[in-house]
Amino acid sequence: MTRRAKKSATGIPPVRRRCRWVPPGDALYVRYHDEEWGVPVRDDRKIYEFLVLETFQAGLSWRIVLGKRENFRKAFSGFDYAKVARFGAKDLARIVRDPSVVRNRAKIAAAAHNARVFLEVRREFGTFSKYMWSWAGAKAEDWAKDLKSRGFKFLGPTVVYAHMQAAGMVNDHAPFCFRRKEVARA
């Protein structure tokens, strides 16, 4: 968990230097950067959530997906991969009709398909986390190839690298960013 900024005598937290991609006035982005991005994730449900969100982000801005995150959570059963793996045509059609999410039919189908493959990886490794962290230090291209060989969809090298950043497999916080050292200790 992150530590809160100490307040000055005026009660206002000091200005913190963040990665340049974080718009300073965007509370949602700031909170995501300060509390989640780059923090090592070992919980399989959270890993699946990040994989789904990163898949939907491809070709869009992260802000769009981040702004719809709670809608995605509702549409995809709280990112419960076991439930999503059982989604059928009716479930997928329901999500495609939902204007509160990104309605890309292929990505929606991929989220359900990937949940089934996710379960296969869990059966093989015990947890998806164990499998994922075995790729720490590897190139995104290599992990993406392995994911593809297992049947995952929409998880090419760019999406995989974004996931590696988000899930803390690489620490890409800028050298001047206050989170860089904190995440390195996590």
N, C-alpha and C. Protein backbone atom coordinates (compact mmCIF):
# COMPACT_ATOMS: atom_id res chain seq x y z
N MET A 1 0.84 -1.17 0.00
CA MET A 1 0.00 0.00 0.00
C MET A 1 0.89 1.24 0.00
N THR A 2 0.46 2.27 -0.63
CA THR A 2 1.27 3.48 -0.72
C THR A 2 1.09 4.32 0.52
N ARG A 3 2.13 5.05 0.85
CA ARG A 3 2.06 5.97 1.96
C ARG A 3 1.48 7.28 1.46
N ARG A 4 0.70 7.92 2.29
CA ARG A 4 0.14 9.21 1.93
C ARG A 4 1.22 10.28 2.08
N ALA A 5 1.11 11.31 1.24
CA ALA A 5 2.06 12.42 1.31
C ALA A 5 1.87 13.15 2.63
N LYS A 6 2.97 13.51 3.27
CA LYS A 6 2.88 14.30 4.48
C LYS A 6 2.38 15.68 4.12
N LYS A 7 1.50 16.21 4.95
CA LYS A 7 0.97 17.54 4.69
C LYS A 7 1.90 18.58 5.28
N SER A 8 1.98 19.70 4.57
CA SER A 8 2.79 20.81 5.06
C SER A 8 2.03 21.52 6.16
N ALA A 9 2.61 22.56 6.72
CA ALA A 9 1.96 23.33 7.78
C ALA A 9 0.62 23.90 7.31
N THR A 10 0.47 24.09 6.00
CA THR A 10 -0.78 24.62 5.46
C THR A 10 -1.83 23.54 5.29
N GLY A 11 -1.46 22.26 5.48
CA GLY A 11 -2.39 21.17 5.31
C GLY A 11 -2.48 20.66 3.88
N ILE A 12 -1.72 21.25 2.97
CA ILE A 12 -1.72 20.85 1.56
C ILE A 12 -0.56 19.89 1.33
N PRO A 13 -0.84 18.73 0.70
CA PRO A 13 0.27 17.81 0.41
C PRO A 13 1.29 18.47 -0.52
N PRO A 14 2.56 18.16 -0.34
CA PRO A 14 3.57 18.73 -1.23
C PRO A 14 3.39 18.24 -2.66
N VAL A 15 3.83 19.03 -3.61
CA VAL A 15 3.76 18.64 -5.01
C VAL A 15 4.72 17.48 -5.22
N ARG A 16 4.25 16.47 -5.89
CA ARG A 16 5.08 15.29 -6.15
C ARG A 16 5.34 15.20 -7.64
N ARG A 17 6.56 14.85 -7.97
CA ARG A 17 6.91 14.67 -9.38
C ARG A 17 6.50 13.27 -9.80
N ARG A 18 5.69 13.23 -10.86
CA ARG A 18 5.20 11.97 -11.39
C ARG A 18 5.72 11.75 -12.79
N CYS A 19 5.49 10.55 -13.30
CA CYS A 19 5.82 10.24 -14.68
C CYS A 19 5.10 11.25 -15.59
N ARG A 20 5.73 11.59 -16.69
CA ARG A 20 5.18 12.63 -17.57
C ARG A 20 3.85 12.26 -18.21
N TRP A 21 3.52 10.98 -18.30
CA TRP A 21 2.26 10.57 -18.93
C TRP A 21 1.04 10.84 -18.06
N VAL A 22 1.25 11.25 -16.82
CA VAL A 22 0.14 11.49 -15.90
C VAL A 22 -0.31 12.95 -15.98
N PRO A 23 -1.52 13.22 -16.50
CA PRO A 23 -2.00 14.61 -16.53
C PRO A 23 -2.25 15.08 -15.09
N PRO A 24 -1.60 16.15 -14.66
CA PRO A 24 -1.67 16.57 -13.25
C PRO A 24 -3.08 16.86 -12.74
N GLY A 25 -3.98 17.31 -13.57
CA GLY A 25 -5.32 17.64 -13.10
C GLY A 25 -6.32 16.51 -13.19
N ASP A 26 -5.89 15.34 -13.61
CA ASP A 26 -6.81 14.21 -13.81
C ASP A 26 -6.71 13.27 -12.60
N ALA A 27 -7.67 13.40 -11.69
CA ALA A 27 -7.64 12.65 -10.43
C ALA A 27 -7.63 11.13 -10.67
N LEU A 28 -8.35 10.67 -11.67
CA LEU A 28 -8.40 9.24 -11.96
C LEU A 28 -7.02 8.72 -12.39
N TYR A 29 -6.39 9.45 -13.28
CA TYR A 29 -5.04 9.09 -13.74
C TYR A 29 -4.04 9.15 -12.58
N VAL A 30 -4.10 10.22 -11.80
CA VAL A 30 -3.17 10.40 -10.68
C VAL A 30 -3.32 9.25 -9.69
N ARG A 31 -4.57 8.91 -9.36
CA ARG A 31 -4.80 7.81 -8.42
C ARG A 31 -4.28 6.48 -8.98
N TYR A 32 -4.55 6.22 -10.27
CA TYR A 32 -4.06 4.99 -10.90
C TYR A 32 -2.53 4.94 -10.83
N HIS A 33 -1.89 6.02 -11.21
CA HIS A 33 -0.42 6.08 -11.18
C HIS A 33 0.12 5.91 -9.77
N ASP A 34 -0.45 6.64 -8.82
CA ASP A 34 0.08 6.67 -7.46
C ASP A 34 -0.20 5.41 -6.66
N GLU A 35 -1.28 4.70 -6.99
CA GLU A 35 -1.68 3.57 -6.16
C GLU A 35 -1.56 2.20 -6.83
N GLU A 36 -1.55 2.17 -8.17
CA GLU A 36 -1.58 0.86 -8.84
C GLU A 36 -0.46 0.61 -9.83
N TRP A 37 -0.24 1.54 -10.74
CA TRP A 37 0.65 1.30 -11.87
C TRP A 37 2.06 0.95 -11.40
N GLY A 38 2.52 -0.21 -11.81
CA GLY A 38 3.88 -0.63 -11.49
C GLY A 38 4.03 -1.36 -10.18
N VAL A 39 2.96 -1.48 -9.41
CA VAL A 39 3.03 -2.22 -8.15
C VAL A 39 2.92 -3.71 -8.48
N PRO A 40 3.86 -4.53 -8.03
CA PRO A 40 3.81 -5.96 -8.34
C PRO A 40 2.48 -6.60 -7.94
N VAL A 41 1.85 -7.26 -8.90
CA VAL A 41 0.55 -7.91 -8.71
C VAL A 41 0.74 -9.42 -8.73
N ARG A 42 0.19 -10.06 -7.72
CA ARG A 42 0.28 -11.52 -7.66
C ARG A 42 -1.09 -12.19 -7.54
N ASP A 43 -2.12 -11.39 -7.44
CA ASP A 43 -3.48 -11.90 -7.34
C ASP A 43 -4.02 -12.20 -8.74
N ASP A 44 -4.44 -13.43 -8.98
CA ASP A 44 -4.87 -13.83 -10.31
C ASP A 44 -6.05 -13.02 -10.83
N ARG A 45 -6.99 -12.68 -9.98
CA ARG A 45 -8.14 -11.90 -10.46
C ARG A 45 -7.68 -10.52 -10.93
N LYS A 46 -6.79 -9.90 -10.19
CA LYS A 46 -6.27 -8.58 -10.58
C LYS A 46 -5.45 -8.70 -11.87
N ILE A 47 -4.70 -9.76 -12.00
CA ILE A 47 -3.92 -9.98 -13.23
C ILE A 47 -4.87 -10.11 -14.42
N TYR A 48 -5.94 -10.89 -14.26
CA TYR A 48 -6.91 -11.04 -15.35
C TYR A 48 -7.55 -9.69 -15.67
N GLU A 49 -7.89 -8.93 -14.64
CA GLU A 49 -8.45 -7.59 -14.85
C GLU A 49 -7.52 -6.75 -15.72
N PHE A 50 -6.25 -6.71 -15.35
CA PHE A 50 -5.29 -5.91 -16.12
C PHE A 50 -5.18 -6.41 -17.56
N LEU A 51 -5.17 -7.73 -17.74
CA LEU A 51 -5.08 -8.27 -19.10
C LEU A 51 -6.29 -7.85 -19.94
N VAL A 52 -7.48 -7.90 -19.35
CA VAL A 52 -8.68 -7.49 -20.07
C VAL A 52 -8.61 -6.00 -20.41
N LEU A 53 -8.29 -5.18 -19.43
CA LEU A 53 -8.24 -3.74 -19.66
C LEU A 53 -7.18 -3.37 -20.69
N GLU A 54 -6.01 -3.99 -20.60
CA GLU A 54 -4.95 -3.70 -21.57
C GLU A 54 -5.37 -4.13 -22.98
N THR A 55 -6.11 -5.23 -23.08
CA THR A 55 -6.61 -5.68 -24.38
C THR A 55 -7.54 -4.64 -24.98
N PHE A 56 -8.45 -4.13 -24.17
CA PHE A 56 -9.39 -3.13 -24.67
C PHE A 56 -8.70 -1.80 -24.97
N GLN A 57 -7.61 -1.52 -24.32
CA GLN A 57 -6.90 -0.26 -24.54
C GLN A 57 -6.22 -0.21 -25.90
N ALA A 58 -5.85 -1.34 -26.44
CA ALA A 58 -5.15 -1.37 -27.73
C ALA A 58 -5.93 -0.57 -28.77
N GLY A 59 -5.29 0.44 -29.31
CA GLY A 59 -5.91 1.29 -30.33
C GLY A 59 -6.69 2.46 -29.76
N LEU A 60 -6.79 2.54 -28.45
CA LEU A 60 -7.51 3.63 -27.79
C LEU A 60 -6.59 4.31 -26.79
N SER A 61 -7.07 5.36 -26.17
CA SER A 61 -6.28 5.97 -25.10
C SER A 61 -6.58 5.21 -23.81
N TRP A 62 -5.58 5.15 -22.94
CA TRP A 62 -5.76 4.47 -21.66
C TRP A 62 -6.82 5.19 -20.84
N ARG A 63 -6.95 6.48 -21.02
CA ARG A 63 -7.94 7.27 -20.26
C ARG A 63 -9.36 6.78 -20.54
N ILE A 64 -9.64 6.43 -21.79
CA ILE A 64 -10.97 5.93 -22.13
C ILE A 64 -11.27 4.65 -21.36
N VAL A 65 -10.33 3.72 -21.37
CA VAL A 65 -10.53 2.44 -20.70
C VAL A 65 -10.57 2.63 -19.19
N LEU A 66 -9.68 3.43 -18.65
CA LEU A 66 -9.65 3.69 -17.22
C LEU A 66 -10.97 4.31 -16.77
N GLY A 67 -11.51 5.20 -17.56
CA GLY A 67 -12.78 5.84 -17.23
C GLY A 67 -13.96 4.88 -17.26
N LYS A 68 -13.84 3.80 -17.99
CA LYS A 68 -14.91 2.80 -18.11
C LYS A 68 -14.63 1.56 -17.25
N ARG A 69 -13.60 1.61 -16.45
CA ARG A 69 -13.16 0.43 -15.70
C ARG A 69 -14.27 -0.21 -14.87
N GLU A 70 -15.02 0.59 -14.14
CA GLU A 70 -16.08 0.02 -13.30
C GLU A 70 -17.18 -0.59 -14.15
N ASN A 71 -17.42 -0.04 -15.33
CA ASN A 71 -18.40 -0.62 -16.25
C ASN A 71 -17.89 -1.97 -16.77
N PHE A 72 -16.60 -2.04 -17.07
CA PHE A 72 -16.01 -3.32 -17.48
C PHE A 72 -16.12 -4.33 -16.34
N ARG A 73 -15.87 -3.87 -15.13
CA ARG A 73 -15.93 -4.77 -13.97
C ARG A 73 -17.34 -5.39 -13.87
N LYS A 74 -18.35 -4.56 -14.05
CA LYS A 74 -19.73 -5.05 -13.99
C LYS A 74 -20.03 -6.00 -15.16
N ALA A 75 -19.62 -5.61 -16.36
CA ALA A 75 -19.90 -6.42 -17.56
C ALA A 75 -19.21 -7.78 -17.50
N PHE A 76 -18.00 -7.81 -16.91
CA PHE A 76 -17.21 -9.05 -16.87
C PHE A 76 -17.20 -9.66 -15.46
N SER A 77 -18.35 -9.63 -14.80
CA SER A 77 -18.55 -10.34 -13.52
C SER A 77 -17.44 -10.09 -12.51
N GLY A 78 -17.08 -8.83 -12.33
CA GLY A 78 -16.05 -8.50 -11.35
C GLY A 78 -14.68 -9.05 -11.73
N PHE A 79 -14.48 -9.30 -13.01
CA PHE A 79 -13.24 -9.88 -13.53
C PHE A 79 -12.97 -11.26 -12.92
N ASP A 80 -14.04 -11.95 -12.60
CA ASP A 80 -13.92 -13.32 -12.12
C ASP A 80 -13.72 -14.21 -13.35
N TYR A 81 -12.49 -14.59 -13.59
CA TYR A 81 -12.13 -15.33 -14.81
C TYR A 81 -12.87 -16.66 -14.93
N ALA A 82 -13.18 -17.30 -13.81
CA ALA A 82 -13.92 -18.57 -13.88
C ALA A 82 -15.35 -18.34 -14.39
N LYS A 83 -15.97 -17.26 -13.96
CA LYS A 83 -17.31 -16.92 -14.45
C LYS A 83 -17.25 -16.50 -15.91
N VAL A 84 -16.28 -15.65 -16.25
CA VAL A 84 -16.16 -15.16 -17.63
C VAL A 84 -15.87 -16.32 -18.58
N ALA A 85 -15.13 -17.31 -18.12
CA ALA A 85 -14.82 -18.48 -18.96
C ALA A 85 -16.09 -19.23 -19.36
N ARG A 86 -17.14 -19.09 -18.56
CA ARG A 86 -18.42 -19.77 -18.86
C ARG A 86 -19.37 -18.90 -19.69
N PHE A 87 -18.94 -17.69 -20.05
CA PHE A 87 -19.81 -16.82 -20.84
C PHE A 87 -20.14 -17.48 -22.17
N GLY A 88 -21.39 -17.40 -22.53
CA GLY A 88 -21.84 -17.92 -23.82
C GLY A 88 -22.24 -16.78 -24.74
N ALA A 89 -22.88 -17.12 -25.83
CA ALA A 89 -23.27 -16.14 -26.84
C ALA A 89 -24.17 -15.05 -26.27
N LYS A 90 -25.09 -15.40 -25.37
CA LYS A 90 -26.00 -14.40 -24.78
C LYS A 90 -25.22 -13.38 -23.95
N ASP A 91 -24.26 -13.86 -23.18
CA ASP A 91 -23.45 -12.96 -22.35
C ASP A 91 -22.65 -12.00 -23.23
N LEU A 92 -22.04 -12.54 -24.27
CA LEU A 92 -21.24 -11.70 -25.16
C LEU A 92 -22.11 -10.69 -25.88
N ALA A 93 -23.30 -11.10 -26.31
CA ALA A 93 -24.23 -10.18 -26.98
C ALA A 93 -24.66 -9.07 -26.03
N ARG A 94 -24.88 -9.41 -24.75
CA ARG A 94 -25.25 -8.41 -23.74
C ARG A 94 -24.17 -7.35 -23.63
N ILE A 95 -22.91 -7.77 -23.60
CA ILE A 95 -21.82 -6.81 -23.47
C ILE A 95 -21.68 -5.97 -24.72
N VAL A 96 -21.83 -6.57 -25.88
CA VAL A 96 -21.75 -5.83 -27.14
C VAL A 96 -22.81 -4.72 -27.18
N ARG A 97 -23.97 -4.96 -26.58
CA ARG A 97 -25.04 -3.95 -26.57
C ARG A 97 -24.85 -2.90 -25.48
N ASP A 98 -23.93 -3.11 -24.57
CA ASP A 98 -23.75 -2.22 -23.42
C ASP A 98 -22.97 -0.97 -23.82
N PRO A 99 -23.62 0.20 -23.86
CA PRO A 99 -22.93 1.42 -24.28
C PRO A 99 -21.92 1.95 -23.26
N SER A 100 -21.88 1.36 -22.06
CA SER A 100 -20.96 1.86 -21.03
C SER A 100 -19.56 1.25 -21.13
N VAL A 101 -19.36 0.30 -22.06
CA VAL A 101 -18.04 -0.29 -22.27
C VAL A 101 -17.62 -0.06 -23.72
N VAL A 102 -16.39 -0.40 -24.03
CA VAL A 102 -15.92 -0.37 -25.41
C VAL A 102 -16.54 -1.58 -26.10
N ARG A 103 -17.36 -1.34 -27.12
CA ARG A 103 -18.14 -2.43 -27.71
C ARG A 103 -17.46 -3.01 -28.95
N ASN A 104 -16.28 -3.53 -28.74
CA ASN A 104 -15.55 -4.18 -29.81
C ASN A 104 -15.83 -5.68 -29.68
N ARG A 105 -16.61 -6.19 -30.62
CA ARG A 105 -17.06 -7.59 -30.56
C ARG A 105 -15.89 -8.57 -30.45
N ALA A 106 -14.83 -8.35 -31.21
CA ALA A 106 -13.69 -9.28 -31.20
C ALA A 106 -12.97 -9.25 -29.85
N LYS A 107 -12.84 -8.08 -29.25
CA LYS A 107 -12.16 -7.98 -27.94
C LYS A 107 -13.03 -8.56 -26.83
N ILE A 108 -14.33 -8.37 -26.94
CA ILE A 108 -15.24 -8.95 -25.95
C ILE A 108 -15.16 -10.48 -26.01
N ALA A 109 -15.20 -11.03 -27.21
CA ALA A 109 -15.08 -12.48 -27.37
C ALA A 109 -13.72 -12.96 -26.87
N ALA A 110 -12.68 -12.18 -27.13
CA ALA A 110 -11.33 -12.55 -26.69
C ALA A 110 -11.24 -12.59 -25.16
N ALA A 111 -11.93 -11.67 -24.48
CA ALA A 111 -11.89 -11.66 -23.00
C ALA A 111 -12.44 -12.98 -22.45
N ALA A 112 -13.52 -13.48 -23.04
CA ALA A 112 -14.09 -14.76 -22.59
C ALA A 112 -13.18 -15.92 -22.99
N HIS A 113 -12.70 -15.90 -24.22
CA HIS A 113 -11.78 -16.94 -24.68
C HIS A 113 -10.52 -16.98 -23.81
N ASN A 114 -9.96 -15.80 -23.56
CA ASN A 114 -8.73 -15.72 -22.75
C ASN A 114 -8.97 -16.20 -21.32
N ALA A 115 -10.18 -16.01 -20.80
CA ALA A 115 -10.48 -16.51 -19.45
C ALA A 115 -10.37 -18.04 -19.43
N ARG A 116 -10.82 -18.68 -20.50
CA ARG A 116 -10.72 -20.15 -20.57
C ARG A 116 -9.25 -20.59 -20.65
N VAL A 117 -8.46 -19.88 -21.43
CA VAL A 117 -7.04 -20.21 -21.53
C VAL A 117 -6.33 -19.90 -20.20
N PHE A 118 -6.74 -18.82 -19.56
CA PHE A 118 -6.21 -18.42 -18.25
C PHE A 118 -6.38 -19.58 -17.26
N LEU A 119 -7.56 -20.21 -17.29
CA LEU A 119 -7.83 -21.36 -16.41
C LEU A 119 -6.91 -22.54 -16.74
N GLU A 120 -6.65 -22.75 -18.02
CA GLU A 120 -5.73 -23.83 -18.42
C GLU A 120 -4.32 -23.57 -17.87
N VAL A 121 -3.89 -22.33 -17.93
CA VAL A 121 -2.56 -21.98 -17.40
C VAL A 121 -2.54 -22.19 -15.89
N ARG A 122 -3.61 -21.82 -15.22
CA ARG A 122 -3.69 -22.05 -13.77
C ARG A 122 -3.59 -23.54 -13.44
N ARG A 123 -4.25 -24.36 -14.24
CA ARG A 123 -4.17 -25.82 -14.00
C ARG A 123 -2.73 -26.31 -14.16
N GLU A 124 -2.03 -25.76 -15.12
CA GLU A 124 -0.65 -26.19 -15.38
C GLU A 124 0.33 -25.70 -14.33
N PHE A 125 0.18 -24.43 -13.89
CA PHE A 125 1.16 -23.81 -13.00
C PHE A 125 0.70 -23.64 -11.56
N GLY A 126 -0.55 -23.91 -11.29
CA GLY A 126 -1.08 -23.69 -9.94
C GLY A 126 -1.75 -22.33 -9.82
N THR A 127 -1.10 -21.30 -10.32
CA THR A 127 -1.67 -19.95 -10.40
C THR A 127 -1.18 -19.31 -11.69
N PHE A 128 -1.95 -18.37 -12.19
CA PHE A 128 -1.49 -17.63 -13.36
C PHE A 128 -0.32 -16.75 -12.95
N SER A 129 -0.36 -16.25 -11.73
CA SER A 129 0.71 -15.40 -11.21
C SER A 129 2.06 -16.11 -11.29
N LYS A 130 2.09 -17.35 -10.89
CA LYS A 130 3.35 -18.12 -10.93
C LYS A 130 3.88 -18.17 -12.37
N TYR A 131 2.99 -18.46 -13.30
CA TYR A 131 3.37 -18.47 -14.73
C TYR A 131 3.85 -17.09 -15.17
N MET A 132 3.05 -16.06 -14.87
CA MET A 132 3.39 -14.70 -15.30
C MET A 132 4.76 -14.27 -14.77
N TRP A 133 4.99 -14.46 -13.48
CA TRP A 133 6.24 -14.00 -12.88
C TRP A 133 7.45 -14.81 -13.36
N SER A 134 7.21 -15.97 -13.95
CA SER A 134 8.33 -16.71 -14.53
C SER A 134 8.88 -15.97 -15.76
N TRP A 135 8.11 -15.01 -16.28
CA TRP A 135 8.53 -14.21 -17.43
C TRP A 135 9.15 -12.87 -17.02
N ALA A 136 9.25 -12.59 -15.74
CA ALA A 136 9.89 -11.34 -15.29
C ALA A 136 11.33 -11.32 -15.79
N GLY A 137 11.73 -10.22 -16.36
CA GLY A 137 13.07 -10.10 -16.90
C GLY A 137 13.17 -10.53 -18.35
N ALA A 138 12.11 -11.12 -18.88
CA ALA A 138 12.10 -11.55 -20.29
C ALA A 138 11.61 -10.40 -21.18
N LYS A 139 11.80 -10.57 -22.47
CA LYS A 139 11.29 -9.59 -23.42
C LYS A 139 9.80 -9.83 -23.63
N ALA A 140 9.07 -8.73 -23.80
CA ALA A 140 7.62 -8.83 -24.04
C ALA A 140 7.34 -9.68 -25.28
N GLU A 141 8.19 -9.58 -26.28
CA GLU A 141 8.00 -10.35 -27.51
C GLU A 141 8.01 -11.85 -27.23
N ASP A 142 8.92 -12.28 -26.36
CA ASP A 142 9.03 -13.70 -26.03
C ASP A 142 7.81 -14.18 -25.26
N TRP A 143 7.37 -13.40 -24.27
CA TRP A 143 6.20 -13.80 -23.51
C TRP A 143 4.96 -13.79 -24.40
N ALA A 144 4.85 -12.77 -25.27
CA ALA A 144 3.70 -12.70 -26.18
C ALA A 144 3.64 -13.93 -27.08
N LYS A 145 4.79 -14.40 -27.54
CA LYS A 145 4.82 -15.62 -28.37
C LYS A 145 4.30 -16.82 -27.58
N ASP A 146 4.72 -16.92 -26.33
CA ASP A 146 4.26 -18.04 -25.51
C ASP A 146 2.76 -17.94 -25.26
N LEU A 147 2.28 -16.74 -24.97
CA LEU A 147 0.84 -16.54 -24.76
C LEU A 147 0.06 -16.96 -26.01
N LYS A 148 0.55 -16.54 -27.17
CA LYS A 148 -0.12 -16.89 -28.42
C LYS A 148 -0.11 -18.40 -28.63
N SER A 149 1.02 -19.05 -28.34
CA SER A 149 1.10 -20.50 -28.53
C SER A 149 0.13 -21.25 -27.61
N ARG A 150 -0.25 -20.62 -26.50
CA ARG A 150 -1.20 -21.21 -25.57
C ARG A 150 -2.65 -20.91 -25.99
N GLY A 151 -2.81 -20.00 -26.95
CA GLY A 151 -4.14 -19.70 -27.45
C GLY A 151 -4.71 -18.34 -27.08
N PHE A 152 -3.96 -17.54 -26.35
CA PHE A 152 -4.45 -16.21 -25.98
C PHE A 152 -4.60 -15.34 -27.22
N LYS A 153 -5.57 -14.44 -27.18
CA LYS A 153 -5.84 -13.53 -28.29
C LYS A 153 -5.68 -12.09 -27.84
N PHE A 154 -5.27 -11.23 -28.77
CA PHE A 154 -5.10 -9.79 -28.55
C PHE A 154 -4.01 -9.48 -27.52
N LEU A 155 -3.07 -10.38 -27.34
CA LEU A 155 -1.98 -10.14 -26.40
C LEU A 155 -0.65 -10.18 -27.14
N GLY A 156 -0.49 -9.20 -28.03
CA GLY A 156 0.77 -9.05 -28.74
C GLY A 156 1.80 -8.34 -27.87
N PRO A 157 3.00 -8.14 -28.40
CA PRO A 157 4.10 -7.55 -27.61
C PRO A 157 3.78 -6.19 -26.98
N THR A 158 3.07 -5.33 -27.69
CA THR A 158 2.77 -4.00 -27.14
C THR A 158 1.83 -4.10 -25.96
N VAL A 159 0.77 -4.89 -26.10
CA VAL A 159 -0.18 -5.08 -25.01
C VAL A 159 0.51 -5.79 -23.84
N VAL A 160 1.32 -6.78 -24.14
CA VAL A 160 2.02 -7.53 -23.09
C VAL A 160 2.98 -6.61 -22.34
N TYR A 161 3.69 -5.75 -23.05
CA TYR A 161 4.61 -4.85 -22.34
C TYR A 161 3.84 -3.88 -21.45
N ALA A 162 2.72 -3.37 -21.94
CA ALA A 162 1.89 -2.48 -21.12
C ALA A 162 1.43 -3.21 -19.86
N HIS A 163 1.08 -4.49 -20.02
CA HIS A 163 0.68 -5.30 -18.87
C HIS A 163 1.86 -5.49 -17.91
N MET A 164 3.03 -5.75 -18.44
CA MET A 164 4.22 -5.94 -17.59
C MET A 164 4.48 -4.68 -16.77
N GLN A 165 4.28 -3.52 -17.39
CA GLN A 165 4.45 -2.25 -16.66
C GLN A 165 3.39 -2.12 -15.57
N ALA A 166 2.13 -2.32 -15.94
CA ALA A 166 1.02 -2.14 -15.00
C ALA A 166 1.12 -3.10 -13.82
N ALA A 167 1.50 -4.35 -14.11
CA ALA A 167 1.54 -5.39 -13.08
C ALA A 167 2.85 -5.43 -12.31
N GLY A 168 3.73 -4.47 -12.56
CA GLY A 168 4.97 -4.37 -11.79
C GLY A 168 6.07 -5.33 -12.17
N MET A 169 5.96 -5.95 -13.33
CA MET A 169 7.02 -6.87 -13.77
C MET A 169 8.25 -6.09 -14.22
N VAL A 170 8.03 -4.85 -14.63
CA VAL A 170 9.12 -3.92 -14.94
C VAL A 170 8.79 -2.61 -14.24
N ASN A 171 9.80 -1.91 -13.80
CA ASN A 171 9.58 -0.63 -13.13
C ASN A 171 9.94 0.48 -14.12
N ASP A 172 8.93 0.97 -14.81
CA ASP A 172 9.15 2.03 -15.79
C ASP A 172 8.75 3.40 -15.29
N HIS A 173 8.65 3.55 -13.97
CA HIS A 173 8.45 4.90 -13.45
C HIS A 173 9.69 5.71 -13.80
N ALA A 174 9.47 6.95 -14.18
CA ALA A 174 10.58 7.82 -14.57
C ALA A 174 11.56 7.97 -13.40
N PRO A 175 12.85 8.18 -13.71
CA PRO A 175 13.85 8.30 -12.64
C PRO A 175 13.51 9.37 -11.60
N PHE A 176 12.81 10.43 -12.01
CA PHE A 176 12.47 11.53 -11.10
C PHE A 176 11.15 11.30 -10.37
N CYS A 177 10.40 10.28 -10.77
CA CYS A 177 9.07 10.03 -10.22
C CYS A 177 9.18 9.52 -8.78
N PHE A 178 8.35 10.07 -7.89
CA PHE A 178 8.39 9.68 -6.48
C PHE A 178 8.04 8.20 -6.28
N ARG A 179 7.31 7.59 -7.22
CA ARG A 179 6.90 6.19 -7.07
C ARG A 179 8.00 5.20 -7.44
N ARG A 180 9.00 5.64 -8.18
CA ARG A 180 10.03 4.70 -8.65
C ARG A 180 10.67 3.91 -7.51
N LYS A 181 11.13 4.60 -6.48
CA LYS A 181 11.78 3.92 -5.36
C LYS A 181 10.79 3.11 -4.54
N GLU A 182 9.59 3.65 -4.36
CA GLU A 182 8.58 2.93 -3.59
C GLU A 182 8.22 1.60 -4.24
N VAL A 183 8.04 1.62 -5.58
CA VAL A 183 7.69 0.41 -6.30
C VAL A 183 8.85 -0.58 -6.30
N ALA A 184 10.07 -0.07 -6.36
CA ALA A 184 11.24 -0.95 -6.35
C ALA A 184 11.32 -1.73 -5.04
N ARG A 185 10.81 -1.15 -3.96
CA ARG A 185 10.83 -1.82 -2.65
C ARG A 185 9.68 -2.79 -2.46
N ALA A 186 8.67 -2.71 -3.34
CA ALA A 186 7.45 -3.53 -3.18
C ALA A 186 7.72 -5.00 -3.46
